[in-house]
Amino acid sequence: MIVTTPLGFTALGWKFYLVWATVAFSIIPSVYFFFPETTGLSVEEIDQVFIDSPSVLKTVALAEQRRKQKRETGEIKIENFNDGKKPETFHGEL
């Protein structure tokens, strides 16, 4: 097993924190640009977005286009999973 952190600190010293900071901050733009918002789309529609996307960079735009189409046609519905019943309360022991 290769342990990178001790080797990194041995080679770079305190500058190895910059490596970890770079990795951590690179997550923010990658989530923004590569993870599409899927609110209002069914699982099948989400799957179709990934299938129809011409490239990794176009997936987010395509998902937003599909969500906008559903909003305009009024297809987005809020599902009521409990059929209007009050949620059951747990009265037992944990």
PDB file of N, CA and C in Angstrom:
ATOM      1  N   MET A   1       0.843  -1.178   0.000  1.00  0.00           N
ATOM      2  CA  MET A   1       0.000   0.000   0.000  1.00  0.00           C
ATOM      3  C   MET A   1       0.890   1.243   0.000  1.00  0.00           C
ATOM      4  N   ILE A   2       0.576   2.164  -0.881  1.00  0.00           N
ATOM      5  CA  ILE A   2       1.350   3.402  -0.975  1.00  0.00           C
ATOM      6  C   ILE A   2       0.656   4.468  -0.139  1.00  0.00           C
ATOM      7  N   VAL A   3       1.405   5.069   0.743  1.00  0.00           N
ATOM      8  CA  VAL A   3       0.874   6.137   1.588  1.00  0.00           C
ATOM      9  C   VAL A   3       1.446   7.445   1.069  1.00  0.00           C
ATOM     10  N   THR A   4       0.589   8.303   0.518  1.00  0.00           N
ATOM     11  CA  THR A   4       1.072   9.509  -0.148  1.00  0.00           C
ATOM     12  C   THR A   4       1.327  10.672   0.793  1.00  0.00           C
ATOM     13  N   THR A   5       0.561  10.806   1.862  1.00  0.00           N
ATOM     14  CA  THR A   5       0.698  11.979   2.719  1.00  0.00           C
ATOM     15  C   THR A   5       2.062  12.044   3.405  1.00  0.00           C
ATOM     16  N   PRO A   6       2.553  10.981   4.039  1.00  0.00           N
ATOM     17  CA  PRO A   6       3.888  11.090   4.631  1.00  0.00           C
ATOM     18  C   PRO A   6       4.982  11.369   3.596  1.00  0.00           C
ATOM     19  N   LEU A   7       4.850  10.748   2.425  1.00  0.00           N
ATOM     20  CA  LEU A   7       5.832  11.003   1.371  1.00  0.00           C
ATOM     21  C   LEU A   7       5.760  12.447   0.887  1.00  0.00           C
ATOM     22  N   GLY A   8       4.549  12.953   0.768  1.00  0.00           N
ATOM     23  CA  GLY A   8       4.365  14.336   0.333  1.00  0.00           C
ATOM     24  C   GLY A   8       4.928  15.329   1.316  1.00  0.00           C
ATOM     25  N   PHE A   9       4.689  15.110   2.598  1.00  0.00           N
ATOM     26  CA  PHE A   9       5.235  16.016   3.610  1.00  0.00           C
ATOM     27  C   PHE A   9       6.761  15.912   3.679  1.00  0.00           C
ATOM     28  N   THR A  10       7.292  14.721   3.453  1.00  0.00           N
ATOM     29  CA  THR A  10       8.746  14.555   3.444  1.00  0.00           C
ATOM     30  C   THR A  10       9.359  15.319   2.274  1.00  0.00           C
ATOM     31  N   ALA A  11       8.718  15.244   1.122  1.00  0.00           N
ATOM     32  CA  ALA A  11       9.274  15.875  -0.073  1.00  0.00           C
ATOM     33  C   ALA A  11       9.000  17.383  -0.139  1.00  0.00           C
ATOM     34  N   LEU A  12       7.797  17.790   0.230  1.00  0.00           N
ATOM     35  CA  LEU A  12       7.403  19.186   0.038  1.00  0.00           C
ATOM     36  C   LEU A  12       7.263  19.992   1.324  1.00  0.00           C
ATOM     37  N   GLY A  13       7.173  19.330   2.446  1.00  0.00           N
ATOM     38  CA  GLY A  13       6.984  20.046   3.706  1.00  0.00           C
ATOM     39  C   GLY A  13       5.593  20.647   3.781  1.00  0.00           C
ATOM     40  N   TRP A  14       5.526  21.886   4.281  1.00  0.00           N
ATOM     41  CA  TRP A  14       4.226  22.540   4.442  1.00  0.00           C
ATOM     42  C   TRP A  14       3.541  22.800   3.108  1.00  0.00           C
ATOM     43  N   LYS A  15       4.266  22.834   2.009  1.00  0.00           N
ATOM     44  CA  LYS A  15       3.687  23.092   0.684  1.00  0.00           C
ATOM     45  C   LYS A  15       2.761  21.965   0.232  1.00  0.00           C
ATOM     46  N   PHE A  16       2.862  20.809   0.897  1.00  0.00           N
ATOM     47  CA  PHE A  16       1.961  19.715   0.550  1.00  0.00           C
ATOM     48  C   PHE A  16       0.513  20.069   0.868  1.00  0.00           C
ATOM     49  N   TYR A  17       0.292  20.978   1.825  1.00  0.00           N
ATOM     50  CA  TYR A  17      -1.069  21.465   2.100  1.00  0.00           C
ATOM     51  C   TYR A  17      -1.664  22.139   0.869  1.00  0.00           C
ATOM     52  N   LEU A  18      -0.820  22.762   0.062  1.00  0.00           N
ATOM     53  CA  LEU A  18      -1.304  23.399  -1.164  1.00  0.00           C
ATOM     54  C   LEU A  18      -1.837  22.361  -2.151  1.00  0.00           C
ATOM     55  N   VAL A  19      -1.224  21.190  -2.175  1.00  0.00           N
ATOM     56  CA  VAL A  19      -1.716  20.111  -3.037  1.00  0.00           C
ATOM     57  C   VAL A  19      -3.120  19.716  -2.602  1.00  0.00           C
ATOM     58  N   TRP A  20      -3.311  19.491  -1.304  1.00  0.00           N
ATOM     59  CA  TRP A  20      -4.632  19.115  -0.796  1.00  0.00           C
ATOM     60  C   TRP A  20      -5.651  20.238  -0.999  1.00  0.00           C
ATOM     61  N   ALA A  21      -5.243  21.485  -0.820  1.00  0.00           N
ATOM     62  CA  ALA A  21      -6.162  22.615  -1.020  1.00  0.00           C
ATOM     63  C   ALA A  21      -6.598  22.697  -2.481  1.00  0.00           C
ATOM     64  N   THR A  22      -5.668  22.470  -3.397  1.00  0.00           N
ATOM     65  CA  THR A  22      -6.000  22.497  -4.823  1.00  0.00           C
ATOM     66  C   THR A  22      -7.005  21.411  -5.173  1.00  0.00           C
ATOM     67  N   VAL A  23      -6.784  20.231  -4.650  1.00  0.00           N
ATOM     68  CA  VAL A  23      -7.721  19.130  -4.904  1.00  0.00           C
ATOM     69  C   VAL A  23      -9.099  19.465  -4.328  1.00  0.00           C
ATOM     70  N   ALA A  24      -9.119  19.984  -3.106  1.00  0.00           N
ATOM     71  CA  ALA A  24     -10.393  20.303  -2.458  1.00  0.00           C
ATOM     72  C   ALA A  24     -11.162  21.389  -3.218  1.00  0.00           C
ATOM     73  N   PHE A  25     -10.475  22.439  -3.636  1.00  0.00           N
ATOM     74  CA  PHE A  25     -11.152  23.527  -4.343  1.00  0.00           C
ATOM     75  C   PHE A  25     -11.532  23.173  -5.772  1.00  0.00           C
ATOM     76  N   SER A  26     -10.877  22.180  -6.358  1.00  0.00           N
ATOM     77  CA  SER A  26     -11.249  21.772  -7.714  1.00  0.00           C
ATOM     78  C   SER A  26     -12.578  21.011  -7.729  1.00  0.00           C
ATOM     79  N   ILE A  27     -13.031  20.557  -6.583  1.00  0.00           N
ATOM     80  CA  ILE A  27     -14.305  19.850  -6.503  1.00  0.00           C
ATOM     81  C   ILE A  27     -15.472  20.804  -6.787  1.00  0.00           C
ATOM     82  N   ILE A  28     -15.384  22.030  -6.344  1.00  0.00           N
ATOM     83  CA  ILE A  28     -16.482  22.998  -6.504  1.00  0.00           C
ATOM     84  C   ILE A  28     -16.829  23.227  -7.976  1.00  0.00           C
ATOM     85  N   PRO A  29     -15.876  23.603  -8.835  1.00  0.00           N
ATOM     86  CA  PRO A  29     -16.264  23.779 -10.251  1.00  0.00           C
ATOM     87  C   PRO A  29     -16.646  22.479 -10.942  1.00  0.00           C
ATOM     88  N   SER A  30     -16.061  21.375 -10.523  1.00  0.00           N
ATOM     89  CA  SER A  30     -16.429  20.122 -11.182  1.00  0.00           C
ATOM     90  C   SER A  30     -17.873  19.745 -10.873  1.00  0.00           C
ATOM     91  N   VAL A  31     -18.327  19.986  -9.656  1.00  0.00           N
ATOM     92  CA  VAL A  31     -19.728  19.721  -9.324  1.00  0.00           C
ATOM     93  C   VAL A  31     -20.633  20.675 -10.101  1.00  0.00           C
ATOM     94  N   TYR A  32     -20.250  21.938 -10.188  1.00  0.00           N
ATOM     95  CA  TYR A  32     -21.071  22.923 -10.889  1.00  0.00           C
ATOM     96  C   TYR A  32     -21.199  22.601 -12.380  1.00  0.00           C
ATOM     97  N   PHE A  33     -20.098  22.213 -13.013  1.00  0.00           N
ATOM     98  CA  PHE A  33     -20.106  22.017 -14.458  1.00  0.00           C
ATOM     99  C   PHE A  33     -20.474  20.612 -14.905  1.00  0.00           C
ATOM    100  N   PHE A  34     -20.331  19.599 -14.051  1.00  0.00           N
ATOM    101  CA  PHE A  34     -20.526  18.222 -14.498  1.00  0.00           C
ATOM    102  C   PHE A  34     -21.668  17.484 -13.825  1.00  0.00           C
ATOM    103  N   PHE A  35     -22.288  18.038 -12.781  1.00  0.00           N
ATOM    104  CA  PHE A  35     -23.384  17.364 -12.088  1.00  0.00           C
ATOM    105  C   PHE A  35     -24.678  18.098 -12.404  1.00  0.00           C
ATOM    106  N   PRO A  36     -25.547  17.545 -13.233  1.00  0.00           N
ATOM    107  CA  PRO A  36     -26.767  18.250 -13.626  1.00  0.00           C
ATOM    108  C   PRO A  36     -27.811  18.274 -12.509  1.00  0.00           C
ATOM    109  N   GLU A  37     -28.598  19.339 -12.474  1.00  0.00           N
ATOM    110  CA  GLU A  37     -29.732  19.429 -11.549  1.00  0.00           C
ATOM    111  C   GLU A  37     -30.846  18.562 -12.119  1.00  0.00           C
ATOM    112  N   THR A  38     -31.385  17.674 -11.307  1.00  0.00           N
ATOM    113  CA  THR A  38     -32.366  16.712 -11.807  1.00  0.00           C
ATOM    114  C   THR A  38     -33.726  16.841 -11.122  1.00  0.00           C
ATOM    115  N   THR A  39     -33.956  17.928 -10.420  1.00  0.00           N
ATOM    116  CA  THR A  39     -35.234  18.124  -9.759  1.00  0.00           C
ATOM    117  C   THR A  39     -36.355  18.159 -10.796  1.00  0.00           C
ATOM    118  N   GLY A  40     -37.391  17.379 -10.558  1.00  0.00           N
ATOM    119  CA  GLY A  40     -38.544  17.366 -11.452  1.00  0.00           C
ATOM    120  C   GLY A  40     -38.449  16.353 -12.572  1.00  0.00           C
ATOM    121  N   LEU A  41     -37.315  15.682 -12.718  1.00  0.00           N
ATOM    122  CA  LEU A  41     -37.174  14.673 -13.758  1.00  0.00           C
ATOM    123  C   LEU A  41     -37.279  13.291 -13.134  1.00  0.00           C
ATOM    124  N   SER A  42     -37.901  12.380 -13.848  1.00  0.00           N
ATOM    125  CA  SER A  42     -37.989  11.013 -13.354  1.00  0.00           C
ATOM    126  C   SER A  42     -36.650  10.313 -13.572  1.00  0.00           C
ATOM    127  N   VAL A  43     -36.496   9.154 -12.986  1.00  0.00           N
ATOM    128  CA  VAL A  43     -35.254   8.391 -13.129  1.00  0.00           C
ATOM    129  C   VAL A  43     -35.010   8.062 -14.599  1.00  0.00           C
ATOM    130  N   GLU A  44     -36.056   7.713 -15.315  1.00  0.00           N
ATOM    131  CA  GLU A  44     -35.918   7.395 -16.729  1.00  0.00           C
ATOM    132  C   GLU A  44     -35.487   8.619 -17.532  1.00  0.00           C
ATOM    133  N   GLU A  45     -36.037   9.789 -17.188  1.00  0.00           N
ATOM    134  CA  GLU A  45     -35.669  11.014 -17.890  1.00  0.00           C
ATOM    135  C   GLU A  45     -34.229  11.416 -17.588  1.00  0.00           C
ATOM    136  N   ILE A  46     -33.786  11.199 -16.364  1.00  0.00           N
ATOM    137  CA  ILE A  46     -32.395  11.482 -16.016  1.00  0.00           C
ATOM    138  C   ILE A  46     -31.470  10.571 -16.815  1.00  0.00           C
ATOM    139  N   ASP A  47     -31.824   9.301 -16.890  1.00  0.00           N
ATOM    140  CA  ASP A  47     -31.039   8.355 -17.678  1.00  0.00           C
ATOM    141  C   ASP A  47     -30.976   8.800 -19.131  1.00  0.00           C
ATOM    142  N   GLN A  48     -32.098   9.266 -19.667  1.00  0.00           N
ATOM    143  CA  GLN A  48     -32.143   9.699 -21.063  1.00  0.00           C
ATOM    144  C   GLN A  48     -31.292  10.948 -21.278  1.00  0.00           C
ATOM    145  N   VAL A  49     -31.204  11.814 -20.291  1.00  0.00           N
ATOM    146  CA  VAL A  49     -30.346  13.000 -20.404  1.00  0.00           C
ATOM    147  C   VAL A  49     -28.899  12.570 -20.607  1.00  0.00           C
ATOM    148  N   PHE A  50     -28.443  11.599 -19.817  1.00  0.00           N
ATOM    149  CA  PHE A  50     -27.064  11.141 -19.959  1.00  0.00           C
ATOM    150  C   PHE A  50     -26.851  10.401 -21.274  1.00  0.00           C
ATOM    151  N   ILE A  51     -27.860   9.687 -21.746  1.00  0.00           N
ATOM    152  CA  ILE A  51     -27.742   8.975 -23.015  1.00  0.00           C
ATOM    153  C   ILE A  51     -27.703   9.961 -24.185  1.00  0.00           C
ATOM    154  N   ASP A  52     -28.565  10.970 -24.157  1.00  0.00           N
ATOM    155  CA  ASP A  52     -28.681  11.910 -25.265  1.00  0.00           C
ATOM    156  C   ASP A  52     -27.594  12.981 -25.285  1.00  0.00           C
ATOM    157  N   SER A  53     -26.883  13.148 -24.200  1.00  0.00           N
ATOM    158  CA  SER A  53     -25.872  14.199 -24.121  1.00  0.00           C
ATOM    159  C   SER A  53     -24.728  13.928 -25.091  1.00  0.00           C
ATOM    160  N   PRO A  54     -24.409  14.891 -25.960  1.00  0.00           N
ATOM    161  CA  PRO A  54     -23.348  14.664 -26.936  1.00  0.00           C
ATOM    162  C   PRO A  54     -21.947  14.637 -26.327  1.00  0.00           C
ATOM    163  N   SER A  55     -21.775  15.301 -25.179  1.00  0.00           N
ATOM    164  CA  SER A  55     -20.472  15.296 -24.515  1.00  0.00           C
ATOM    165  C   SER A  55     -20.676  15.534 -23.024  1.00  0.00           C
ATOM    166  N   VAL A  56     -19.632  15.317 -22.272  1.00  0.00           N
ATOM    167  CA  VAL A  56     -19.690  15.517 -20.830  1.00  0.00           C
ATOM    168  C   VAL A  56     -19.986  16.978 -20.504  1.00  0.00           C
ATOM    169  N   LEU A  57     -19.488  17.885 -21.308  1.00  0.00           N
ATOM    170  CA  LEU A  57     -19.672  19.306 -21.049  1.00  0.00           C
ATOM    171  C   LEU A  57     -21.092  19.786 -21.358  1.00  0.00           C
ATOM    172  N   LYS A  58     -21.853  19.040 -22.132  1.00  0.00           N
ATOM    173  CA  LYS A  58     -23.209  19.447 -22.521  1.00  0.00           C
ATOM    174  C   LYS A  58     -24.303  18.837 -21.639  1.00  0.00           C
ATOM    175  N   THR A  59     -23.960  17.954 -20.716  1.00  0.00           N
ATOM    176  CA  THR A  59     -24.957  17.245 -19.921  1.00  0.00           C
ATOM    177  C   THR A  59     -25.766  18.194 -19.049  1.00  0.00           C
ATOM    178  N   VAL A  60     -25.106  19.139 -18.391  1.00  0.00           N
ATOM    179  CA  VAL A  60     -25.801  20.069 -17.509  1.00  0.00           C
ATOM    180  C   VAL A  60     -26.773  20.927 -18.303  1.00  0.00           C
ATOM    181  N   ALA A  61     -26.348  21.428 -19.458  1.00  0.00           N
ATOM    182  CA  ALA A  61     -27.222  22.266 -20.288  1.00  0.00           C
ATOM    183  C   ALA A  61     -28.414  21.469 -20.811  1.00  0.00           C
ATOM    184  N   LEU A  62     -28.197  20.231 -21.187  1.00  0.00           N
ATOM    185  CA  LEU A  62     -29.289  19.396 -21.686  1.00  0.00           C
ATOM    186  C   LEU A  62     -30.295  19.093 -20.575  1.00  0.00           C
ATOM    187  N   ALA A  63     -29.810  18.815 -19.375  1.00  0.00           N
ATOM    188  CA  ALA A  63     -30.717  18.558 -18.253  1.00  0.00           C
ATOM    189  C   ALA A  63     -31.548  19.800 -17.945  1.00  0.00           C
ATOM    190  N   GLU A  64     -30.938  20.969 -17.985  1.00  0.00           N
ATOM    191  CA  GLU A  64     -31.679  22.206 -17.730  1.00  0.00           C
ATOM    192  C   GLU A  64     -32.706  22.450 -18.823  1.00  0.00           C
ATOM    193  N   GLN A  65     -32.361  22.126 -20.058  1.00  0.00           N
ATOM    194  CA  GLN A  65     -33.312  22.274 -21.173  1.00  0.00           C
ATOM    195  C   GLN A  65     -34.517  21.362 -20.970  1.00  0.00           C
ATOM    196  N   ARG A  66     -34.275  20.110 -20.572  1.00  0.00           N
ATOM    197  CA  ARG A  66     -35.379  19.167 -20.340  1.00  0.00           C
ATOM    198  C   ARG A  66     -36.252  19.624 -19.171  1.00  0.00           C
ATOM    199  N   ARG A  67     -35.631  20.142 -18.101  1.00  0.00           N
ATOM    200  CA  ARG A  67     -36.410  20.633 -16.958  1.00  0.00           C
ATOM    201  C   ARG A  67     -37.273  21.829 -17.376  1.00  0.00           C
ATOM    202  N   LYS A  68     -36.699  22.716 -18.214  1.00  0.00           N
ATOM    203  CA  LYS A  68     -37.435  23.889 -18.679  1.00  0.00           C
ATOM    204  C   LYS A  68     -38.625  23.463 -19.542  1.00  0.00           C
ATOM    205  N   GLN A  69     -38.435  22.467 -20.407  1.00  0.00           N
ATOM    206  CA  GLN A  69     -39.526  21.961 -21.238  1.00  0.00           C
ATOM    207  C   GLN A  69     -40.652  21.403 -20.367  1.00  0.00           C
ATOM    208  N   LYS A  70     -40.301  20.670 -19.315  1.00  0.00           N
ATOM    209  CA  LYS A  70     -41.332  20.109 -18.436  1.00  0.00           C
ATOM    210  C   LYS A  70     -42.073  21.205 -17.690  1.00  0.00           C
ATOM    211  N   ARG A  71     -41.354  22.250 -17.273  1.00  0.00           N
ATOM    212  CA  ARG A  71     -42.012  23.368 -16.581  1.00  0.00           C
ATOM    213  C   ARG A  71     -42.991  24.068 -17.504  1.00  0.00           C
ATOM    214  N   GLU A  72     -42.581  24.290 -18.750  1.00  0.00           N
ATOM    215  CA  GLU A  72     -43.432  25.005 -19.706  1.00  0.00           C
ATOM    216  C   GLU A  72     -44.679  24.216 -20.072  1.00  0.00           C
ATOM    217  N   THR A  73     -44.568  22.901 -20.140  1.00  0.00           N
ATOM    218  CA  THR A  73     -45.727  22.084 -20.491  1.00  0.00           C
ATOM    219  C   THR A  73     -46.561  21.721 -19.269  1.00  0.00           C
ATOM    220  N   GLY A  74     -46.083  22.068 -18.083  1.00  0.00           N
ATOM    221  CA  GLY A  74     -46.828  21.772 -16.860  1.00  0.00           C
ATOM    222  C   GLY A  74     -46.761  20.328 -16.431  1.00  0.00           C
ATOM    223  N   GLU A  75     -45.740  19.604 -16.872  1.00  0.00           N
ATOM    224  CA  GLU A  75     -45.627  18.191 -16.538  1.00  0.00           C
ATOM    225  C   GLU A  75     -45.016  17.942 -15.168  1.00  0.00           C
ATOM    226  N   ILE A  76     -44.388  18.941 -14.585  1.00  0.00           N
ATOM    227  CA  ILE A  76     -43.768  18.745 -13.276  1.00  0.00           C
ATOM    228  C   ILE A  76     -44.861  18.725 -12.225  1.00  0.00           C
ATOM    229  N   LYS A  77     -44.950  17.636 -11.503  1.00  0.00           N
ATOM    230  CA  LYS A  77     -45.961  17.451 -10.477  1.00  0.00           C
ATOM    231  C   LYS A  77     -45.282  17.068  -9.174  1.00  0.00           C
ATOM    232  N   ILE A  78     -45.886  17.467  -8.069  1.00  0.00           N
ATOM    233  CA  ILE A  78     -45.386  17.072  -6.762  1.00  0.00           C
ATOM    234  C   ILE A  78     -46.154  15.840  -6.337  1.00  0.00           C
ATOM    235  N   GLU A  79     -45.431  14.772  -6.069  1.00  0.00           N
ATOM    236  CA  GLU A  79     -46.079  13.534  -5.666  1.00  0.00           C
ATOM    237  C   GLU A  79     -46.337  13.549  -4.170  1.00  0.00           C
ATOM    238  N   ASN A  80     -47.493  13.054  -3.799  1.00  0.00           N
ATOM    239  CA  ASN A  80     -47.853  12.961  -2.391  1.00  0.00           C
ATOM    240  C   ASN A  80     -47.780  11.497  -1.998  1.00  0.00           C
ATOM    241  N   PHE A  81     -46.745  11.125  -1.298  1.00  0.00           N
ATOM    242  CA  PHE A  81     -46.503   9.728  -1.005  1.00  0.00           C
ATOM    243  C   PHE A  81     -47.364   9.170   0.117  1.00  0.00           C
ATOM    244  N   ASN A  82     -47.894  10.024   0.970  1.00  0.00           N
ATOM    245  CA  ASN A  82     -48.685   9.495   2.084  1.00  0.00           C
ATOM    246  C   ASN A  82     -50.185   9.651   1.864  1.00  0.00           C
ATOM    247  N   ASP A  83     -50.617  10.018   0.680  1.00  0.00           N
ATOM    248  CA  ASP A  83     -52.031  10.137   0.311  1.00  0.00           C
ATOM    249  C   ASP A  83     -52.823  11.006   1.277  1.00  0.00           C
ATOM    250  N   GLY A  84     -52.220  12.063   1.774  1.00  0.00           N
ATOM    251  CA  GLY A  84     -52.918  12.992   2.646  1.00  0.00           C
ATOM    252  C   GLY A  84     -53.045  12.550   4.090  1.00  0.00           C
ATOM    253  N   LYS A  85     -52.513  11.423   4.447  1.00  0.00           N
ATOM    254  CA  LYS A  85     -52.589  10.939   5.824  1.00  0.00           C
ATOM    255  C   LYS A  85     -51.516  11.606   6.669  1.00  0.00           C
ATOM    256  N   LYS A  86     -51.780  11.700   7.955  1.00  0.00           N
ATOM    257  CA  LYS A  86     -50.777  12.221   8.862  1.00  0.00           C
ATOM    258  C   LYS A  86     -49.659  11.188   8.996  1.00  0.00           C
ATOM    259  N   PRO A  87     -48.428  11.634   9.122  1.00  0.00           N
ATOM    260  CA  PRO A  87     -47.348  10.669   9.291  1.00  0.00           C
ATOM    261  C   PRO A  87     -47.487   9.914  10.606  1.00  0.00           C
ATOM    262  N   GLU A  88     -47.144   8.644  10.556  1.00  0.00           N
ATOM    263  CA  GLU A  88     -47.241   7.830  11.755  1.00  0.00           C
ATOM    264  C   GLU A  88     -46.118   8.187  12.714  1.00  0.00           C
ATOM    265  N   THR A  89     -46.432   8.137  13.989  1.00  0.00           N
ATOM    266  CA  THR A  89     -45.458   8.446  15.028  1.00  0.00           C
ATOM    267  C   THR A  89     -44.959   7.152  15.643  1.00  0.00           C
ATOM    268  N   PHE A  90     -43.680   7.058  15.867  1.00  0.00           N
ATOM    269  CA  PHE A  90     -43.090   5.870  16.461  1.00  0.00           C
ATOM    270  C   PHE A  90     -43.214   5.972  17.979  1.00  0.00           C
ATOM    271  N   HIS A  91     -43.835   4.961  18.600  1.00  0.00           N
ATOM    272  CA  HIS A  91     -44.039   4.986  20.041  1.00  0.00           C
ATOM    273  C   HIS A  91     -43.241   3.888  20.759  1.00  0.00           C
ATOM    274  N   GLY A  92     -42.416   3.178  20.053  1.00  0.00           N
ATOM    275  CA  GLY A  92     -41.659   2.076  20.658  1.00  0.00           C
ATOM    276  C   GLY A  92     -40.326   2.536  21.195  1.00  0.00           C
ATOM    277  N   GLU A  93     -39.544   1.570  21.634  1.00  0.00           N
ATOM    278  CA  GLU A  93     -38.199   1.861  22.136  1.00  0.00           C
ATOM    279  C   GLU A  93     -37.194   1.674  21.024  1.00  0.00           C
ATOM    280  N   LEU A  94     -36.149   2.428  21.090  1.00  0.00           N
ATOM    281  CA  LEU A  94     -35.067   2.283  20.114  1.00  0.00           C
ATOM    282  C   LEU A  94     -34.019   1.339  20.613  1.00  0.00           C
TER     283      LEU A  94
END
